PDB file of N, CA and C in Angstrom:
ATOM      1  N   UNK A   1     106.083  91.814 127.979  1.00  0.00           N
ATOM      2  CA  UNK A   1     106.470  92.136 126.604  1.00  0.00           C
ATOM      3  C   UNK A   1     105.843  93.466 126.205  1.00  0.00           C
ATOM      4  N   UNK A   2     106.643  94.350 125.695  1.00  0.00           N
ATOM      5  CA  UNK A   2     106.187  95.650 125.222  1.00  0.00           C
ATOM      6  C   UNK A   2     105.307  95.463 123.989  1.00  0.00           C
ATOM      7  N   UNK A   3     104.089  95.985 124.042  1.00  0.00           N
ATOM      8  CA  UNK A   3     103.158  95.840 122.923  1.00  0.00           C
ATOM      9  C   UNK A   3     103.132  97.060 122.007  1.00  0.00           C
ATOM     10  N   UNK A   4     103.831  98.099 122.390  1.00  0.00           N
ATOM     11  CA  UNK A   4     103.915  99.258 121.512  1.00  0.00           C
ATOM     12  C   UNK A   4     105.379  99.506 121.178  1.00  0.00           C
ATOM     13  N   UNK A   5     105.599  99.986 120.011  1.00  0.00           N
ATOM     14  CA  UNK A   5     106.937 100.302 119.543  1.00  0.00           C
ATOM     15  C   UNK A   5     106.817 101.612 118.776  1.00  0.00           C
ATOM     16  N   UNK A   6     107.046 102.717 119.464  1.00  0.00           N
ATOM     17  CA  UNK A   6     106.842 104.037 118.867  1.00  0.00           C
ATOM     18  C   UNK A   6     107.637 104.220 117.577  1.00  0.00           C
ATOM     19  N   UNK A   7     108.849 103.722 117.549  1.00  0.00           N
ATOM     20  CA  UNK A   7     109.685 103.883 116.358  1.00  0.00           C
ATOM     21  C   UNK A   7     109.077 103.144 115.159  1.00  0.00           C
ATOM     22  N   UNK A   8     108.577 101.950 115.392  1.00  0.00           N
ATOM     23  CA  UNK A   8     107.942 101.166 114.328  1.00  0.00           C
ATOM     24  C   UNK A   8     106.648 101.824 113.858  1.00  0.00           C
ATOM     25  N   UNK A   9     105.850 102.301 114.797  1.00  0.00           N
ATOM     26  CA  UNK A   9     104.584 102.945 114.448  1.00  0.00           C
ATOM     27  C   UNK A   9     104.837 104.216 113.643  1.00  0.00           C
ATOM     28  N   UNK A  10     105.839 104.993 114.020  1.00  0.00           N
ATOM     29  CA  UNK A  10     106.189 106.204 113.270  1.00  0.00           C
ATOM     30  C   UNK A  10     106.700 105.857 111.880  1.00  0.00           C
ATOM     31  N   UNK A  11     107.483 104.796 111.770  1.00  0.00           N
ATOM     32  CA  UNK A  11     107.979 104.360 110.467  1.00  0.00           C
ATOM     33  C   UNK A  11     106.813 103.949 109.570  1.00  0.00           C
ATOM     34  N   UNK A  12     105.867 103.190 110.121  1.00  0.00           N
ATOM     35  CA  UNK A  12     104.694 102.802 109.352  1.00  0.00           C
ATOM     36  C   UNK A  12     103.929 104.032 108.880  1.00  0.00           C
ATOM     37  N   UNK A  13     103.735 105.006 109.779  1.00  0.00           N
ATOM     38  CA  UNK A  13     102.992 106.215 109.437  1.00  0.00           C
ATOM     39  C   UNK A  13     103.642 106.955 108.271  1.00  0.00           C
ATOM     40  N   UNK A  14     104.959 107.096 108.311  1.00  0.00           N
ATOM     41  CA  UNK A  14     105.675 107.789 107.235  1.00  0.00           C
ATOM     42  C   UNK A  14     105.554 107.050 105.915  1.00  0.00           C
ATOM     43  N   UNK A  15     105.698 105.729 105.958  1.00  0.00           N
ATOM     44  CA  UNK A  15     105.616 104.928 104.731  1.00  0.00           C
ATOM     45  C   UNK A  15     104.205 104.977 104.166  1.00  0.00           C
ATOM     46  N   UNK A  16     103.202 104.859 105.024  1.00  0.00           N
ATOM     47  CA  UNK A  16     101.818 104.905 104.552  1.00  0.00           C
ATOM     48  C   UNK A  16     101.535 106.232 103.852  1.00  0.00           C
ATOM     49  N   UNK A  17     101.903 107.319 104.481  1.00  0.00           N
ATOM     50  CA  UNK A  17     101.663 108.642 103.891  1.00  0.00           C
ATOM     51  C   UNK A  17     102.415 108.798 102.570  1.00  0.00           C
ATOM     52  N   UNK A  18     103.669 108.373 102.549  1.00  0.00           N
ATOM     53  CA  UNK A  18     104.477 108.479 101.326  1.00  0.00           C
ATOM     54  C   UNK A  18     103.867 107.636 100.206  1.00  0.00           C
ATOM     55  N   UNK A  19     103.480 106.398 100.521  1.00  0.00           N
ATOM     56  CA  UNK A  19     102.877 105.508  99.519  1.00  0.00           C
ATOM     57  C   UNK A  19     101.532 106.037  99.021  1.00  0.00           C
ATOM     58  N   UNK A  20     100.729 106.569  99.934  1.00  0.00           N
ATOM     59  CA  UNK A  20      99.420 107.110  99.552  1.00  0.00           C
ATOM     60  C   UNK A  20      99.601 108.281  98.594  1.00  0.00           C
ATOM     61  N   UNK A  21     100.503 109.181  98.935  1.00  0.00           N
ATOM     62  CA  UNK A  21     100.753 110.336  98.067  1.00  0.00           C
ATOM     63  C   UNK A  21     101.320 109.911  96.716  1.00  0.00           C
ATOM     64  N   UNK A  22     102.231 108.941  96.728  1.00  0.00           N
ATOM     65  CA  UNK A  22     102.811 108.443  95.474  1.00  0.00           C
ATOM     66  C   UNK A  22     101.740 107.822  94.574  1.00  0.00           C
ATOM     67  N   UNK A  23     100.722 107.246  95.200  1.00  0.00           N
ATOM     68  CA  UNK A  23      99.615 106.653  94.439  1.00  0.00           C
ATOM     69  C   UNK A  23      98.620 107.717  93.977  1.00  0.00           C
ATOM     70  N   UNK A  24      98.839 108.960  94.402  1.00  0.00           N
ATOM     71  CA  UNK A  24      97.953 110.049  94.001  1.00  0.00           C
ATOM     72  C   UNK A  24      96.595 110.006  94.675  1.00  0.00           C
ATOM     73  N   UNK A  25      96.561 109.461  95.891  1.00  0.00           N
ATOM     74  CA  UNK A  25      95.300 109.314  96.615  1.00  0.00           C
ATOM     75  C   UNK A  25      95.218 110.276  97.791  1.00  0.00           C
ATOM     76  N   UNK A  26      94.038 110.806  98.007  1.00  0.00           N
ATOM     77  CA  UNK A  26      93.786 111.567  99.233  1.00  0.00           C
ATOM     78  C   UNK A  26      93.493 110.571 100.350  1.00  0.00           C
ATOM     79  N   UNK A  27      93.501 111.056 101.559  1.00  0.00           N
ATOM     80  CA  UNK A  27      93.130 110.186 102.676  1.00  0.00           C
ATOM     81  C   UNK A  27      91.697 109.688 102.495  1.00  0.00           C
ATOM     82  N   UNK A  28      90.835 110.551 101.998  1.00  0.00           N
ATOM     83  CA  UNK A  28      89.435 110.179 101.782  1.00  0.00           C
ATOM     84  C   UNK A  28      89.304 109.072 100.740  1.00  0.00           C
ATOM     85  N   UNK A  29      90.057 109.181  99.658  1.00  0.00           N
ATOM     86  CA  UNK A  29      89.990 108.169  98.608  1.00  0.00           C
ATOM     87  C   UNK A  29      90.538 106.830  99.096  1.00  0.00           C
ATOM     88  N   UNK A  30      91.647 106.854  99.817  1.00  0.00           N
ATOM     89  CA  UNK A  30      92.195 105.610 100.363  1.00  0.00           C
ATOM     90  C   UNK A  30      91.208 104.996 101.352  1.00  0.00           C
ATOM     91  N   UNK A  31      90.588 105.831 102.164  1.00  0.00           N
ATOM     92  CA  UNK A  31      89.583 105.336 103.111  1.00  0.00           C
ATOM     93  C   UNK A  31      88.433 104.666 102.373  1.00  0.00           C
ATOM     94  N   UNK A  32      87.950 105.295 101.321  1.00  0.00           N
ATOM     95  CA  UNK A  32      86.859 104.723 100.534  1.00  0.00           C
ATOM     96  C   UNK A  32      87.259 103.378  99.945  1.00  0.00           C
ATOM     97  N   UNK A  33      88.459 103.301  99.388  1.00  0.00           N
ATOM     98  CA  UNK A  33      88.924 102.066  98.744  1.00  0.00           C
ATOM     99  C   UNK A  33      89.172 100.924  99.725  1.00  0.00           C
ATOM    100  N   UNK A  34      89.440 101.265 100.971  1.00  0.00           N
ATOM    101  CA  UNK A  34      89.726 100.235 101.980  1.00  0.00           C
ATOM    102  C   UNK A  34      88.563 100.002 102.934  1.00  0.00           C
ATOM    103  N   UNK A  35      87.478 100.746 102.748  1.00  0.00           N
ATOM    104  CA  UNK A  35      86.308 100.669 103.623  1.00  0.00           C
ATOM    105  C   UNK A  35      86.679 101.016 105.068  1.00  0.00           C
ATOM    106  N   UNK A  36      87.573 101.993 105.202  1.00  0.00           N
ATOM    107  CA  UNK A  36      87.959 102.529 106.503  1.00  0.00           C
ATOM    108  C   UNK A  36      87.520 103.984 106.542  1.00  0.00           C
ATOM    109  N   UNK A  37      87.530 104.583 107.696  1.00  0.00           N
ATOM    110  CA  UNK A  37      87.135 105.996 107.776  1.00  0.00           C
ATOM    111  C   UNK A  37      88.332 106.897 107.477  1.00  0.00           C
ATOM    112  N   UNK A  38      88.072 108.065 106.904  1.00  0.00           N
ATOM    113  CA  UNK A  38      89.167 109.014 106.679  1.00  0.00           C
ATOM    114  C   UNK A  38      89.876 109.391 107.981  1.00  0.00           C
ATOM    115  N   UNK A  39      89.130 109.481 109.067  1.00  0.00           N
ATOM    116  CA  UNK A  39      89.767 109.836 110.340  1.00  0.00           C
ATOM    117  C   UNK A  39      90.716 108.728 110.800  1.00  0.00           C
ATOM    118  N   UNK A  40      90.380 107.468 110.519  1.00  0.00           N
ATOM    119  CA  UNK A  40      91.270 106.365 110.883  1.00  0.00           C
ATOM    120  C   UNK A  40      92.552 106.420 110.044  1.00  0.00           C
ATOM    121  N   UNK A  41      92.426 106.719 108.767  1.00  0.00           N
ATOM    122  CA  UNK A  41      93.615 106.864 107.911  1.00  0.00           C
ATOM    123  C   UNK A  41      94.492 107.980 108.472  1.00  0.00           C
ATOM    124  N   UNK A  42      93.877 109.082 108.855  1.00  0.00           N
ATOM    125  CA  UNK A  42      94.630 110.190 109.443  1.00  0.00           C
ATOM    126  C   UNK A  42      95.341 109.762 110.722  1.00  0.00           C
ATOM    127  N   UNK A  43      94.644 109.023 111.575  1.00  0.00           N
ATOM    128  CA  UNK A  43      95.264 108.546 112.819  1.00  0.00           C
ATOM    129  C   UNK A  43      96.438 107.615 112.529  1.00  0.00           C
ATOM    130  N   UNK A  44      96.323 106.785 111.500  1.00  0.00           N
ATOM    131  CA  UNK A  44      97.436 105.912 111.121  1.00  0.00           C
ATOM    132  C   UNK A  44      98.627 106.734 110.636  1.00  0.00           C
ATOM    133  N   UNK A  45      98.351 107.747 109.812  1.00  0.00           N
ATOM    134  CA  UNK A  45      99.422 108.565 109.234  1.00  0.00           C
ATOM    135  C   UNK A  45     100.083 109.495 110.245  1.00  0.00           C
ATOM    136  N   UNK A  46      99.449 109.711 111.362  1.00  0.00           N
ATOM    137  CA  UNK A  46     100.036 110.560 112.400  1.00  0.00           C
ATOM    138  C   UNK A  46     100.563 109.728 113.567  1.00  0.00           C
ATOM    139  N   UNK A  47     100.641 108.437 113.364  1.00  0.00           N
ATOM    140  CA  UNK A  47     101.176 107.493 114.355  1.00  0.00           C
ATOM    141  C   UNK A  47     100.387 107.498 115.664  1.00  0.00           C
ATOM    142  N   UNK A  48      99.090 107.784 115.560  1.00  0.00           N
ATOM    143  CA  UNK A  48      98.231 107.753 116.737  1.00  0.00           C
ATOM    144  C   UNK A  48      97.451 106.448 116.853  1.00  0.00           C
ATOM    145  N   UNK A  49      97.531 105.626 115.840  1.00  0.00           N
ATOM    146  CA  UNK A  49      96.934 104.286 115.852  1.00  0.00           C
ATOM    147  C   UNK A  49      97.871 103.364 115.091  1.00  0.00           C
ATOM    148  N   UNK A  50      97.746 102.078 115.370  1.00  0.00           N
ATOM    149  CA  UNK A  50      98.504 101.095 114.611  1.00  0.00           C
ATOM    150  C   UNK A  50      97.523 100.101 113.995  1.00  0.00           C
ATOM    151  N   UNK A  51      97.808  99.648 112.779  1.00  0.00           N
ATOM    152  CA  UNK A  51      96.851  98.802 112.077  1.00  0.00           C
ATOM    153  C   UNK A  51      96.910  97.347 112.548  1.00  0.00           C
ATOM    154  N   UNK A  52      95.794  96.677 112.357  1.00  0.00           N
ATOM    155  CA  UNK A  52      95.803  95.224 112.526  1.00  0.00           C
ATOM    156  C   UNK A  52      96.474  94.632 111.299  1.00  0.00           C
ATOM    157  N   UNK A  53      96.792  93.376 111.357  1.00  0.00           N
ATOM    158  CA  UNK A  53      97.386  92.704 110.205  1.00  0.00           C
ATOM    159  C   UNK A  53      96.431  92.727 109.016  1.00  0.00           C
ATOM    160  N   UNK A  54      95.149  92.563 109.280  1.00  0.00           N
ATOM    161  CA  UNK A  54      94.147  92.600 108.209  1.00  0.00           C
ATOM    162  C   UNK A  54      94.118  93.966 107.541  1.00  0.00           C
ATOM    163  N   UNK A  55      94.140  95.028 108.330  1.00  0.00           N
ATOM    164  CA  UNK A  55      94.150  96.388 107.777  1.00  0.00           C
ATOM    165  C   UNK A  55      95.442  96.632 107.011  1.00  0.00           C
ATOM    166  N   UNK A  56      96.550  96.184 107.539  1.00  0.00           N
ATOM    167  CA  UNK A  56      97.832  96.341 106.849  1.00  0.00           C
ATOM    168  C   UNK A  56      97.795  95.674 105.481  1.00  0.00           C
ATOM    169  N   UNK A  57      97.247  94.477 105.414  1.00  0.00           N
ATOM    170  CA  UNK A  57      97.141  93.759 104.142  1.00  0.00           C
ATOM    171  C   UNK A  57      96.221  94.497 103.176  1.00  0.00           C
ATOM    172  N   UNK A  58      95.113  95.028 103.665  1.00  0.00           N
ATOM    173  CA  UNK A  58      94.176  95.774 102.814  1.00  0.00           C
ATOM    174  C   UNK A  58      94.818  97.057 102.284  1.00  0.00           C
ATOM    175  N   UNK A  59      95.500  97.781 103.142  1.00  0.00           N
ATOM    176  CA  UNK A  59      96.193  98.991 102.706  1.00  0.00           C
ATOM    177  C   UNK A  59      97.231  98.657 101.639  1.00  0.00           C
ATOM    178  N   UNK A  60      97.992  97.611 101.887  1.00  0.00           N
ATOM    179  CA  UNK A  60      99.009  97.176 100.938  1.00  0.00           C
ATOM    180  C   UNK A  60      98.386  96.898  99.572  1.00  0.00           C
ATOM    181  N   UNK A  61      97.299  96.157  99.583  1.00  0.00           N
ATOM    182  CA  UNK A  61      96.614  95.794  98.338  1.00  0.00           C
ATOM    183  C   UNK A  61      96.118  97.029  97.603  1.00  0.00           C
ATOM    184  N   UNK A  62      95.479  97.931  98.326  1.00  0.00           N
ATOM    185  CA  UNK A  62      94.907  99.124  97.693  1.00  0.00           C
ATOM    186  C   UNK A  62      95.967 100.129  97.250  1.00  0.00           C
ATOM    187  N   UNK A  63      97.136 100.054  97.840  1.00  0.00           N
ATOM    188  CA  UNK A  63      98.237 100.913  97.409  1.00  0.00           C
ATOM    189  C   UNK A  63      99.058 100.275  96.295  1.00  0.00           C
ATOM    190  N   UNK A  64      98.715  99.036  95.946  1.00  0.00           N
ATOM    191  CA  UNK A  64      99.386  98.364  94.831  1.00  0.00           C
ATOM    192  C   UNK A  64     100.789  97.889  95.145  1.00  0.00           C
ATOM    193  N   UNK A  65     101.019  97.511  96.396  1.00  0.00           N
ATOM    194  CA  UNK A  65     102.341  97.029  96.799  1.00  0.00           C
ATOM    195  C   UNK A  65     102.166  95.697  97.523  1.00  0.00           C
ATOM    196  N   UNK A  66     103.059  94.762  97.255  1.00  0.00           N
ATOM    197  CA  UNK A  66     103.001  93.480  97.950  1.00  0.00           C
ATOM    198  C   UNK A  66     103.266  93.703  99.432  1.00  0.00           C
ATOM    199  N   UNK A  67     102.576  92.955 100.268  1.00  0.00           N
ATOM    200  CA  UNK A  67     102.727  93.099 101.715  1.00  0.00           C
ATOM    201  C   UNK A  67     104.181  92.931 102.170  1.00  0.00           C
ATOM    202  N   UNK A  68     104.909  91.912 101.687  1.00  0.00           N
ATOM    203  CA  UNK A  68     106.315  91.805 102.113  1.00  0.00           C
ATOM    204  C   UNK A  68     107.155  93.022 101.726  1.00  0.00           C
ATOM    205  N   UNK A  69     106.862  93.604 100.567  1.00  0.00           N
ATOM    206  CA  UNK A  69     107.595  94.796 100.139  1.00  0.00           C
ATOM    207  C   UNK A  69     107.267  95.977 101.051  1.00  0.00           C
ATOM    208  N   UNK A  70     105.998  96.113 101.421  1.00  0.00           N
ATOM    209  CA  UNK A  70     105.601  97.186 102.324  1.00  0.00           C
ATOM    210  C   UNK A  70     106.267  97.028 103.685  1.00  0.00           C
ATOM    211  N   UNK A  71     106.282  95.813 104.181  1.00  0.00           N
ATOM    212  CA  UNK A  71     106.921  95.556 105.480  1.00  0.00           C
ATOM    213  C   UNK A  71     108.419  95.838 105.409  1.00  0.00           C
ATOM    214  N   UNK A  72     109.047  95.467 104.308  1.00  0.00           N
ATOM    215  CA  UNK A  72     110.477  95.750 104.133  1.00  0.00           C
ATOM    216  C   UNK A  72     110.732  97.256 104.118  1.00  0.00           C
ATOM    217  N   UNK A  73     109.836  97.995 103.484  1.00  0.00           N
ATOM    218  CA  UNK A  73     109.989  99.447 103.429  1.00  0.00           C
ATOM    219  C   UNK A  73     109.809 100.065 104.819  1.00  0.00           C
ATOM    220  N   UNK A  74     108.859  99.556 105.579  1.00  0.00           N
ATOM    221  CA  UNK A  74     108.648 100.034 106.947  1.00  0.00           C
ATOM    222  C   UNK A  74     109.873  99.729 107.800  1.00  0.00           C
ATOM    223  N   UNK A  75     110.419  98.538 107.646  1.00  0.00           N
ATOM    224  CA  UNK A  75     111.610  98.140 108.405  1.00  0.00           C
ATOM    225  C   UNK A  75     112.799  99.040 108.054  1.00  0.00           C
ATOM    226  N   UNK A  76     112.968  99.315 106.766  1.00  0.00           N
ATOM    227  CA  UNK A  76     114.055 100.192 106.334  1.00  0.00           C
ATOM    228  C   UNK A  76     113.881 101.591 106.930  1.00  0.00           C
ATOM    229  N   UNK A  77     112.664 102.097 106.910  1.00  0.00           N
ATOM    230  CA  UNK A  77     112.373 103.416 107.489  1.00  0.00           C
ATOM    231  C   UNK A  77     112.681 103.414 108.981  1.00  0.00           C
ATOM    232  N   UNK A  78     112.299 102.358 109.661  1.00  0.00           N
ATOM    233  CA  UNK A  78     112.542 102.240 111.101  1.00  0.00           C
ATOM    234  C   UNK A  78     114.038 102.246 111.394  1.00  0.00           C
ATOM    235  N   UNK A  79     114.824 101.671 110.490  1.00  0.00           N
ATOM    236  CA  UNK A  79     116.266 101.573 110.692  1.00  0.00           C
ATOM    237  C   UNK A  79     117.017 102.773 110.123  1.00  0.00           C
ATOM    238  N   UNK A  80     116.271 103.785 109.699  1.00  0.00           N
ATOM    239  CA  UNK A  80     116.892 105.009 109.208  1.00  0.00           C
ATOM    240  C   UNK A  80     117.485 104.923 107.815  1.00  0.00           C
ATOM    241  N   UNK A  81     117.082 103.933 107.047  1.00  0.00           N
ATOM    242  CA  UNK A  81     117.575 103.807 105.685  1.00  0.00           C
ATOM    243  C   UNK A  81     116.720 104.678 104.760  1.00  0.00           C
ATOM    244  N   UNK A  82     117.317 105.207 103.693  1.00  0.00           N
ATOM    245  CA  UNK A  82     116.571 106.096 102.789  1.00  0.00           C
ATOM    246  C   UNK A  82     115.449 105.328 102.081  1.00  0.00           C
ATOM    247  N   UNK A  83     114.383 106.051 101.709  1.00  0.00           N
ATOM    248  CA  UNK A  83     113.277 105.400 101.005  1.00  0.00           C
ATOM    249  C   UNK A  83     113.722 104.853  99.660  1.00  0.00           C
ATOM    250  N   UNK A  84     113.078 103.775  99.264  1.00  0.00           N
ATOM    251  CA  UNK A  84     113.371 103.190  97.954  1.00  0.00           C
ATOM    252  C   UNK A  84     112.778 104.060  96.865  1.00  0.00           C
ATOM    253  N   UNK A  85     113.425 104.067  95.733  1.00  0.00           N
ATOM    254  CA  UNK A  85     112.943 104.880  94.603  1.00  0.00           C
ATOM    255  C   UNK A  85     111.766 104.243  93.937  1.00  0.00           C
TER     256      UNK A  85
END
């Protein structure tokens, strides 16, 4: 079973960056709020790392979006659908 999915990881990276910017947060501020390092946030946003489920839930919470909504947005991005307004 393939454990990496480049298209999914890239979709997550784009959504994370878009959501972070929409929230008016720098990578440093999001890192502080999630108790993660700024370099890890950068690696996530550049699709060089993928989050654990726990990290995904924490990011979702700190960005003010329900986890199912975030996952739906990532799925839409992966499928080439335009971002939600």
